Amino acid sequence: MEMLYQIAVSFLVTVLLLSLFMFLLYKVRMVRSGRDVRKAYYNSISRIWLGILILSFGLNTIVQFPTAVSYIIGALFIAVGAYNIWHFNAARKYFKGNLPIEDEAWAEFNRKSRK
């Protein structure tokens, strides 16, 4: 049982660190992007990774500290993280559908500016 506990905690900490890294990566992509729809797309992906970070933090709290208070706090973190993932996944799908429209608009803008 001790080995399973160590594996679970190691997995959750790995997910925490990975999601933090991916959140920061997509935030940098968002800042460096010059297009508005692409910025919103990268922002929604970064917020999904933030939701995964919050959710895994809640799970980690429950696994490491088995008390009633940590169950309540962990459940709140899990609920907020799951809502964050759900909401920004819908936003990601919306902005992904608008990326080709923005690409066409930028291509048209570049053609007109070269004339």
N, C-alpha and C. Protein backbone atom coordinates (compact mmCIF):
# COMPACT_ATOMS: atom_id res chain seq x y z
N MET A 1 0.81 -1.19 0.00
CA MET A 1 0.00 0.00 0.00
C MET A 1 0.86 1.26 0.00
N GLU A 2 1.98 1.20 0.69
CA GLU A 2 2.90 2.34 0.75
C GLU A 2 3.45 2.67 -0.64
N MET A 3 3.73 1.64 -1.42
CA MET A 3 4.26 1.84 -2.77
C MET A 3 3.22 2.51 -3.67
N LEU A 4 1.96 2.11 -3.55
CA LEU A 4 0.89 2.70 -4.33
C LEU A 4 0.71 4.18 -3.98
N TYR A 5 0.84 4.51 -2.70
CA TYR A 5 0.75 5.89 -2.24
C TYR A 5 1.87 6.73 -2.86
N GLN A 6 3.09 6.21 -2.85
CA GLN A 6 4.22 6.94 -3.42
C GLN A 6 4.06 7.14 -4.92
N ILE A 7 3.56 6.13 -5.60
CA ILE A 7 3.34 6.25 -7.04
C ILE A 7 2.27 7.29 -7.33
N ALA A 8 1.19 7.29 -6.55
CA ALA A 8 0.10 8.25 -6.75
C ALA A 8 0.59 9.68 -6.52
N VAL A 9 1.33 9.89 -5.44
CA VAL A 9 1.84 11.23 -5.15
C VAL A 9 2.84 11.66 -6.22
N SER A 10 3.71 10.77 -6.65
CA SER A 10 4.68 11.10 -7.70
C SER A 10 3.98 11.45 -9.00
N PHE A 11 2.95 10.70 -9.34
CA PHE A 11 2.19 10.97 -10.56
C PHE A 11 1.51 12.34 -10.49
N LEU A 12 0.88 12.63 -9.35
CA LEU A 12 0.18 13.90 -9.21
C LEU A 12 1.14 15.09 -9.23
N VAL A 13 2.30 14.94 -8.61
CA VAL A 13 3.29 16.02 -8.64
C VAL A 13 3.81 16.22 -10.06
N THR A 14 4.01 15.13 -10.79
CA THR A 14 4.44 15.22 -12.18
C THR A 14 3.39 15.94 -13.03
N VAL A 15 2.13 15.60 -12.83
CA VAL A 15 1.06 16.28 -13.56
C VAL A 15 1.01 17.76 -13.19
N LEU A 16 1.22 18.07 -11.91
CA LEU A 16 1.26 19.46 -11.46
C LEU A 16 2.35 20.24 -12.20
N LEU A 17 3.54 19.70 -12.21
CA LEU A 17 4.66 20.40 -12.85
C LEU A 17 4.49 20.50 -14.36
N LEU A 18 4.00 19.43 -14.98
CA LEU A 18 3.78 19.45 -16.42
C LEU A 18 2.72 20.48 -16.79
N SER A 19 1.63 20.52 -16.04
CA SER A 19 0.57 21.47 -16.36
C SER A 19 1.03 22.91 -16.10
N LEU A 20 1.85 23.13 -15.09
CA LEU A 20 2.39 24.47 -14.87
C LEU A 20 3.27 24.90 -16.03
N PHE A 21 4.12 23.98 -16.50
CA PHE A 21 4.99 24.28 -17.64
C PHE A 21 4.17 24.58 -18.90
N MET A 22 3.15 23.76 -19.16
CA MET A 22 2.32 23.97 -20.36
C MET A 22 1.51 25.26 -20.25
N PHE A 23 1.04 25.58 -19.05
CA PHE A 23 0.32 26.85 -18.84
C PHE A 23 1.22 28.02 -19.19
N LEU A 24 2.45 28.00 -18.68
CA LEU A 24 3.38 29.09 -18.98
C LEU A 24 3.75 29.14 -20.46
N LEU A 25 3.91 27.99 -21.08
CA LEU A 25 4.25 27.93 -22.50
C LEU A 25 3.17 28.58 -23.35
N TYR A 26 1.91 28.26 -23.09
CA TYR A 26 0.84 28.84 -23.89
C TYR A 26 0.58 30.30 -23.54
N LYS A 27 0.89 30.73 -22.32
CA LYS A 27 0.79 32.15 -22.00
C LYS A 27 1.83 32.94 -22.78
N VAL A 28 3.04 32.39 -22.91
CA VAL A 28 4.08 33.05 -23.70
C VAL A 28 3.67 33.10 -25.16
N ARG A 29 3.12 32.00 -25.68
CA ARG A 29 2.64 32.00 -27.06
C ARG A 29 1.55 33.05 -27.27
N MET A 30 0.68 33.18 -26.27
CA MET A 30 -0.40 34.17 -26.37
C MET A 30 0.18 35.58 -26.45
N VAL A 31 1.14 35.87 -25.60
CA VAL A 31 1.72 37.21 -25.56
C VAL A 31 2.48 37.51 -26.85
N ARG A 32 3.16 36.53 -27.40
CA ARG A 32 3.98 36.75 -28.59
C ARG A 32 3.18 36.77 -29.88
N SER A 33 1.95 36.28 -29.84
CA SER A 33 1.13 36.26 -31.05
C SER A 33 0.62 37.65 -31.36
N GLY A 34 0.58 37.98 -32.63
CA GLY A 34 0.11 39.30 -33.03
C GLY A 34 -1.34 39.31 -33.49
N ARG A 35 -1.94 38.15 -33.59
CA ARG A 35 -3.30 38.05 -34.10
C ARG A 35 -4.27 37.86 -32.94
N ASP A 36 -5.41 38.52 -33.02
CA ASP A 36 -6.36 38.51 -31.90
C ASP A 36 -7.01 37.15 -31.67
N VAL A 37 -7.46 36.49 -32.73
CA VAL A 37 -8.13 35.20 -32.56
C VAL A 37 -7.13 34.16 -32.08
N ARG A 38 -5.93 34.21 -32.60
CA ARG A 38 -4.90 33.27 -32.16
C ARG A 38 -4.54 33.52 -30.70
N LYS A 39 -4.52 34.76 -30.27
CA LYS A 39 -4.28 35.08 -28.85
C LYS A 39 -5.37 34.47 -27.97
N ALA A 40 -6.61 34.62 -28.40
CA ALA A 40 -7.72 34.06 -27.63
C ALA A 40 -7.66 32.53 -27.62
N TYR A 41 -7.24 31.94 -28.73
CA TYR A 41 -7.10 30.48 -28.82
C TYR A 41 -6.02 29.99 -27.85
N TYR A 42 -4.87 30.63 -27.88
CA TYR A 42 -3.79 30.24 -26.96
C TYR A 42 -4.16 30.50 -25.50
N ASN A 43 -4.91 31.56 -25.25
CA ASN A 43 -5.35 31.84 -23.89
C ASN A 43 -6.29 30.75 -23.40
N SER A 44 -7.19 30.28 -24.26
CA SER A 44 -8.10 29.22 -23.83
C SER A 44 -7.35 27.92 -23.57
N ILE A 45 -6.34 27.61 -24.37
CA ILE A 45 -5.55 26.41 -24.12
C ILE A 45 -4.77 26.54 -22.81
N SER A 46 -4.22 27.72 -22.56
CA SER A 46 -3.48 27.92 -21.32
C SER A 46 -4.41 27.80 -20.11
N ARG A 47 -5.64 28.27 -20.24
CA ARG A 47 -6.58 28.16 -19.12
C ARG A 47 -7.02 26.71 -18.91
N ILE A 48 -7.04 25.90 -19.96
CA ILE A 48 -7.31 24.47 -19.79
C ILE A 48 -6.19 23.84 -18.96
N TRP A 49 -4.94 24.18 -19.27
CA TRP A 49 -3.82 23.66 -18.49
C TRP A 49 -3.85 24.17 -17.06
N LEU A 50 -4.32 25.40 -16.85
CA LEU A 50 -4.48 25.90 -15.49
C LEU A 50 -5.55 25.10 -14.75
N GLY A 51 -6.62 24.74 -15.44
CA GLY A 51 -7.65 23.89 -14.84
C GLY A 51 -7.11 22.53 -14.45
N ILE A 52 -6.25 21.96 -15.30
CA ILE A 52 -5.63 20.68 -14.97
C ILE A 52 -4.73 20.83 -13.75
N LEU A 53 -4.01 21.95 -13.67
CA LEU A 53 -3.16 22.22 -12.51
C LEU A 53 -3.99 22.32 -11.23
N ILE A 54 -5.09 23.04 -11.28
CA ILE A 54 -5.95 23.20 -10.10
C ILE A 54 -6.57 21.86 -9.71
N LEU A 55 -7.04 21.10 -10.69
CA LEU A 55 -7.63 19.79 -10.43
C LEU A 55 -6.61 18.84 -9.81
N SER A 56 -5.43 18.78 -10.36
CA SER A 56 -4.42 17.87 -9.81
C SER A 56 -3.95 18.32 -8.43
N PHE A 57 -3.97 19.64 -8.17
CA PHE A 57 -3.64 20.12 -6.83
C PHE A 57 -4.69 19.67 -5.82
N GLY A 58 -5.95 19.72 -6.22
CA GLY A 58 -7.02 19.24 -5.34
C GLY A 58 -6.90 17.75 -5.07
N LEU A 59 -6.60 16.97 -6.10
CA LEU A 59 -6.41 15.53 -5.90
C LEU A 59 -5.20 15.26 -5.02
N ASN A 60 -4.14 16.00 -5.23
CA ASN A 60 -2.93 15.83 -4.42
C ASN A 60 -3.21 16.17 -2.96
N THR A 61 -4.00 17.19 -2.72
CA THR A 61 -4.36 17.56 -1.35
C THR A 61 -5.13 16.44 -0.67
N ILE A 62 -6.05 15.85 -1.38
CA ILE A 62 -6.84 14.76 -0.81
C ILE A 62 -5.98 13.54 -0.53
N VAL A 63 -5.08 13.22 -1.46
CA VAL A 63 -4.25 12.02 -1.29
C VAL A 63 -3.24 12.20 -0.16
N GLN A 64 -2.62 13.36 -0.07
CA GLN A 64 -1.54 13.53 0.91
C GLN A 64 -2.05 13.83 2.31
N PHE A 65 -3.15 14.50 2.44
CA PHE A 65 -3.64 14.90 3.76
C PHE A 65 -5.06 14.39 3.97
N PRO A 66 -5.22 13.18 4.47
CA PRO A 66 -6.57 12.60 4.61
C PRO A 66 -7.31 13.12 5.86
N THR A 67 -7.70 14.38 5.83
CA THR A 67 -8.52 14.96 6.89
C THR A 67 -9.79 15.53 6.28
N ALA A 68 -10.77 15.82 7.11
CA ALA A 68 -12.04 16.33 6.61
C ALA A 68 -11.86 17.70 5.93
N VAL A 69 -11.02 18.54 6.51
CA VAL A 69 -10.80 19.87 5.93
C VAL A 69 -10.14 19.75 4.56
N SER A 70 -9.17 18.87 4.43
CA SER A 70 -8.51 18.73 3.13
C SER A 70 -9.45 18.10 2.10
N TYR A 71 -10.39 17.26 2.53
CA TYR A 71 -11.38 16.72 1.60
C TYR A 71 -12.28 17.83 1.06
N ILE A 72 -12.67 18.75 1.93
CA ILE A 72 -13.53 19.86 1.50
C ILE A 72 -12.77 20.79 0.56
N ILE A 73 -11.56 21.16 0.96
CA ILE A 73 -10.75 22.05 0.12
C ILE A 73 -10.39 21.37 -1.19
N GLY A 74 -10.02 20.10 -1.13
CA GLY A 74 -9.69 19.36 -2.35
C GLY A 74 -10.88 19.25 -3.28
N ALA A 75 -12.07 19.04 -2.72
CA ALA A 75 -13.28 18.96 -3.55
C ALA A 75 -13.57 20.30 -4.22
N LEU A 76 -13.33 21.39 -3.51
CA LEU A 76 -13.52 22.72 -4.12
C LEU A 76 -12.53 22.94 -5.27
N PHE A 77 -11.28 22.57 -5.04
CA PHE A 77 -10.28 22.71 -6.11
C PHE A 77 -10.63 21.83 -7.30
N ILE A 78 -11.09 20.63 -7.05
CA ILE A 78 -11.46 19.72 -8.14
C ILE A 78 -12.64 20.30 -8.92
N ALA A 79 -13.63 20.86 -8.22
CA ALA A 79 -14.79 21.43 -8.90
C ALA A 79 -14.39 22.65 -9.73
N VAL A 80 -13.56 23.53 -9.17
CA VAL A 80 -13.13 24.72 -9.91
C VAL A 80 -12.27 24.31 -11.11
N GLY A 81 -11.38 23.35 -10.92
CA GLY A 81 -10.53 22.89 -12.03
C GLY A 81 -11.33 22.24 -13.14
N ALA A 82 -12.31 21.40 -12.77
CA ALA A 82 -13.14 20.74 -13.77
C ALA A 82 -13.98 21.75 -14.55
N TYR A 83 -14.52 22.75 -13.85
CA TYR A 83 -15.28 23.79 -14.53
C TYR A 83 -14.38 24.59 -15.47
N ASN A 84 -13.18 24.90 -15.02
CA ASN A 84 -12.22 25.62 -15.85
C ASN A 84 -11.90 24.84 -17.12
N ILE A 85 -11.67 23.56 -16.99
CA ILE A 85 -11.38 22.71 -18.15
C ILE A 85 -12.57 22.68 -19.10
N TRP A 86 -13.76 22.49 -18.56
CA TRP A 86 -14.97 22.40 -19.39
C TRP A 86 -15.24 23.71 -20.13
N HIS A 87 -15.19 24.81 -19.40
CA HIS A 87 -15.53 26.11 -19.99
C HIS A 87 -14.53 26.52 -21.07
N PHE A 88 -13.25 26.39 -20.79
CA PHE A 88 -12.26 26.86 -21.75
C PHE A 88 -12.03 25.86 -22.88
N ASN A 89 -12.48 24.61 -22.72
CA ASN A 89 -12.46 23.70 -23.86
C ASN A 89 -13.51 24.14 -24.88
N ALA A 90 -14.66 24.59 -24.40
CA ALA A 90 -15.68 25.12 -25.31
C ALA A 90 -15.15 26.38 -26.01
N ALA A 91 -14.45 27.23 -25.29
CA ALA A 91 -13.87 28.43 -25.90
C ALA A 91 -12.80 28.05 -26.92
N ARG A 92 -12.01 27.05 -26.62
CA ARG A 92 -10.97 26.60 -27.55
C ARG A 92 -11.59 26.12 -28.85
N LYS A 93 -12.67 25.33 -28.75
CA LYS A 93 -13.35 24.84 -29.94
C LYS A 93 -13.90 25.99 -30.78
N TYR A 94 -14.45 27.00 -30.12
CA TYR A 94 -15.00 28.15 -30.83
C TYR A 94 -13.90 28.89 -31.57
N PHE A 95 -12.80 29.18 -30.90
CA PHE A 95 -11.73 29.95 -31.54
C PHE A 95 -10.99 29.13 -32.59
N LYS A 96 -10.92 27.82 -32.41
CA LYS A 96 -10.27 26.98 -33.41
C LYS A 96 -11.04 27.03 -34.73
N GLY A 97 -12.37 27.12 -34.63
CA GLY A 97 -13.18 27.25 -35.84
C GLY A 97 -12.99 28.58 -36.54
N ASN A 98 -12.57 29.60 -35.82
CA ASN A 98 -12.37 30.92 -36.41
C ASN A 98 -10.94 31.16 -36.90
N LEU A 99 -10.03 30.25 -36.62
CA LEU A 99 -8.65 30.44 -37.08
C LEU A 99 -8.52 30.50 -38.60
N PRO A 100 -9.21 29.63 -39.38
CA PRO A 100 -9.08 29.77 -40.85
C PRO A 100 -9.63 31.09 -41.38
N ILE A 101 -10.67 31.62 -40.74
CA ILE A 101 -11.22 32.91 -41.16
C ILE A 101 -10.20 34.01 -40.93
N GLU A 102 -9.54 33.96 -39.78
CA GLU A 102 -8.51 34.96 -39.49
C GLU A 102 -7.33 34.83 -40.45
N ASP A 103 -6.93 33.60 -40.77
CA ASP A 103 -5.83 33.40 -41.71
C ASP A 103 -6.16 33.99 -43.08
N GLU A 104 -7.40 33.79 -43.53
CA GLU A 104 -7.81 34.37 -44.82
C GLU A 104 -7.80 35.89 -44.76
N ALA A 105 -8.25 36.45 -43.66
CA ALA A 105 -8.27 37.91 -43.53
C ALA A 105 -6.85 38.47 -43.53
N TRP A 106 -5.92 37.79 -42.86
CA TRP A 106 -4.53 38.26 -42.85
C TRP A 106 -3.90 38.11 -44.24
N ALA A 107 -4.23 37.05 -44.95
CA ALA A 107 -3.70 36.89 -46.31
C ALA A 107 -4.22 38.00 -47.22
N GLU A 108 -5.49 38.33 -47.10
CA GLU A 108 -6.07 39.42 -47.89
C GLU A 108 -5.43 40.75 -47.53
N PHE A 109 -5.21 40.97 -46.24
CA PHE A 109 -4.56 42.21 -45.79
C PHE A 109 -3.15 42.32 -46.35
N ASN A 110 -2.40 41.22 -46.34
CA ASN A 110 -1.03 41.23 -46.87
C ASN A 110 -1.02 41.46 -48.38
N ARG A 111 -2.00 40.88 -49.10
CA ARG A 111 -2.06 41.11 -50.56
C ARG A 111 -2.34 42.58 -50.86
N LYS A 112 -3.23 43.19 -50.10
CA LYS A 112 -3.58 44.60 -50.35
C LYS A 112 -2.44 45.53 -49.95
N SER A 113 -1.72 45.17 -48.91
CA SER A 113 -0.64 46.06 -48.45
C SER A 113 0.58 45.99 -49.36
N ARG A 114 0.74 44.92 -50.12
CA ARG A 114 1.88 44.79 -51.02
C ARG A 114 1.68 45.56 -52.33
N LYS A 115 0.43 45.87 -52.66
CA LYS A 115 0.14 46.57 -53.92
C LYS A 115 0.56 48.00 -53.89
